[in-house]
């Protein structure tokens, strides 16, 4: 994956298809593809099943979808050492995410990292078990 662009690498994994489709539906594919060295935090497809009906309905709004998708992107690479320090990172959406580590478990805003620090040509991918919702959203 290190030679692929981040979005192409994510799209190649069928377990990430719901979120990669959301990136395109929100019109953020070109915006994210133009960024260098960013981090994309991607919920697995099954994470969407735990969203409330209200949240799922909101995802049909272009504005809400764009806000939620951009909350899963950080304009820098996230390194494993940042988890140990409990770093707070600013998202493309504008709000902060908190990363943490306890033993061998890495978390982003409480969502468990299932697979992380996947390096691509344009950024880093972290796969998580929940959809992150921005504050107030």
Protein backbone atom coordinates (compact mmCIF):
# COMPACT_ATOMS: atom_id res chain seq x y z
CA UNK A 1 0.00 0.00 0.00
CA UNK A 2 2.94 2.32 0.43
CA UNK A 3 2.89 3.13 -3.29
CA UNK A 4 -0.88 3.79 -3.45
CA UNK A 5 -2.65 7.04 -2.67
CA UNK A 6 -4.58 6.88 0.63
CA UNK A 7 -8.05 6.95 -0.94
CA UNK A 8 -7.16 4.28 -3.49
CA UNK A 9 -5.75 2.04 -0.75
CA UNK A 10 -8.92 2.46 1.33
CA UNK A 11 -11.19 1.85 -1.67
CA UNK A 12 -9.36 -1.40 -2.43
CA UNK A 13 -10.59 -2.91 0.86
CA UNK A 14 -14.23 -4.10 0.63
CA UNK A 15 -14.62 -3.80 4.43
CA UNK A 16 -14.20 -0.03 4.09
CA UNK A 17 -16.60 0.49 1.16
CA UNK A 18 -19.33 2.34 3.09
CA UNK A 19 -16.97 5.06 4.26
CA UNK A 20 -15.15 5.36 0.93
CA UNK A 21 -18.56 5.76 -0.75
CA UNK A 22 -19.38 8.46 1.82
CA UNK A 23 -16.17 10.30 0.91
CA UNK A 24 -17.31 10.42 -2.73
CA UNK A 25 -20.93 11.30 -1.84
CA UNK A 26 -19.72 14.18 0.34
CA UNK A 27 -17.60 15.47 -2.55
CA UNK A 28 -14.41 15.21 -0.50
CA UNK A 29 -12.55 12.76 -2.71
CA UNK A 30 -10.72 15.44 -4.72
CA UNK A 31 -10.09 17.57 -1.61
CA UNK A 32 -8.55 14.67 0.30
CA UNK A 33 -6.64 13.40 -2.74
CA UNK A 34 -4.95 16.80 -3.07
CA UNK A 35 -3.60 16.72 0.51
CA UNK A 36 -0.13 15.49 1.29
CA UNK A 37 0.66 13.42 4.33
CA UNK A 38 -2.73 13.36 6.00
CA UNK A 39 -4.36 10.69 8.15
CA UNK A 40 -7.68 9.13 7.30
CA UNK A 41 -9.55 7.38 10.10
CA UNK A 42 -11.94 4.89 8.53
CA UNK A 43 -14.79 3.05 10.27
CA UNK A 44 -15.35 -0.52 9.08
CA UNK A 45 -18.66 -1.19 7.33
CA UNK A 46 -20.17 -2.86 10.40
CA UNK A 47 -19.65 0.34 12.42
CA UNK A 48 -22.47 2.01 10.51
CA UNK A 49 -24.96 -0.57 11.79
CA UNK A 50 -24.66 0.82 15.32
CA UNK A 51 -25.64 4.37 14.33
CA UNK A 52 -29.01 5.63 15.47
CA UNK A 53 -31.82 6.01 12.97
CA UNK A 54 -31.63 9.79 13.46
CA UNK A 55 -27.91 9.83 12.60
CA UNK A 56 -28.46 7.62 9.55
CA UNK A 57 -31.16 10.00 8.31
CA UNK A 58 -28.79 12.96 8.87
CA UNK A 59 -26.17 11.24 6.73
CA UNK A 60 -28.47 11.81 3.75
CA UNK A 61 -27.88 15.56 4.13
CA UNK A 62 -24.84 16.62 2.11
CA UNK A 63 -23.74 19.13 4.77
CA UNK A 64 -23.95 16.65 7.64
CA UNK A 65 -22.22 13.94 5.62
CA UNK A 66 -19.36 16.30 4.68
CA UNK A 67 -18.94 17.34 8.33
CA UNK A 68 -18.83 13.73 9.57
CA UNK A 69 -16.45 12.56 6.83
CA UNK A 70 -14.08 15.52 7.34
CA UNK A 71 -14.09 14.76 11.09
CA UNK A 72 -12.34 11.49 10.16
CA UNK A 73 -9.38 13.26 8.50
CA UNK A 74 -6.36 14.96 10.07
CA UNK A 75 -3.97 17.17 8.06
CA UNK A 76 -0.89 15.32 9.31
CA UNK A 77 0.32 11.79 9.79
CA UNK A 78 -0.67 10.32 13.15
CA UNK A 79 2.19 8.28 14.59
CA UNK A 80 1.82 5.47 17.16
CA UNK A 81 3.87 7.47 19.70
CA UNK A 82 1.15 10.12 19.72
CA UNK A 83 -1.29 7.57 21.15
CA UNK A 84 0.98 6.88 24.11
CA UNK A 85 1.12 10.62 24.87
CA UNK A 86 -2.67 10.98 24.63
CA UNK A 87 -2.43 13.63 21.93
CA UNK A 88 -5.25 15.88 20.80
CA UNK A 89 -5.34 16.36 17.03
CA UNK A 90 -7.25 18.89 14.91
CA UNK A 91 -9.44 17.39 12.17
CA UNK A 92 -10.15 18.78 8.72
CA UNK A 93 -13.67 19.48 10.05
CA UNK A 94 -12.10 21.77 12.67
CA UNK A 95 -12.78 19.89 15.92
CA UNK A 96 -10.25 17.90 17.91
CA UNK A 97 -9.81 14.14 18.27
CA UNK A 98 -8.17 12.51 21.28
CA UNK A 99 -5.88 9.52 20.68
CA UNK A 100 -4.87 7.19 23.51
CA UNK A 101 -3.22 3.88 24.25
CA UNK A 102 -3.76 1.44 27.08
CA UNK A 103 -1.52 -1.60 26.88
CA UNK A 104 -1.80 -2.86 23.32
CA UNK A 105 -5.15 -1.15 22.70
CA UNK A 106 -5.11 2.05 20.69
CA UNK A 107 -8.18 4.32 20.62
CA UNK A 108 -9.39 7.40 18.81
CA UNK A 109 -12.18 9.22 20.69
CA UNK A 110 -12.99 5.91 22.37
CA UNK A 111 -13.20 3.94 19.11
CA UNK A 112 -10.84 0.97 19.04
CA UNK A 113 -8.20 0.95 16.32
CA UNK A 114 -8.55 -2.39 14.54
CA UNK A 115 -5.65 -1.81 12.17
CA UNK A 116 -3.43 1.22 12.19
CA UNK A 117 -0.43 3.08 10.96
CA UNK A 118 -1.04 1.84 7.43
CA UNK A 119 1.31 4.00 5.39
CA UNK A 120 0.38 5.02 1.85
CA UNK A 121 2.00 7.38 -0.64
CA UNK A 122 -0.15 10.31 0.50
CA UNK A 123 -0.93 9.55 4.10
CA UNK A 124 -1.70 7.13 6.86
CA UNK A 125 -4.82 5.05 7.46
CA UNK A 126 -6.32 3.89 10.75
CA UNK A 127 -9.29 1.51 10.69
CA UNK A 128 -11.65 1.82 13.66
CA UNK A 129 -14.71 0.01 14.99
CA UNK A 130 -17.06 3.03 15.34
CA UNK A 131 -18.20 6.03 13.35
CA UNK A 132 -16.92 9.22 14.97
CA UNK A 133 -19.39 12.06 15.32
CA UNK A 134 -18.15 15.64 15.62
CA UNK A 135 -19.09 17.60 18.76
CA UNK A 136 -22.62 18.88 18.47
CA UNK A 137 -23.30 16.36 15.74
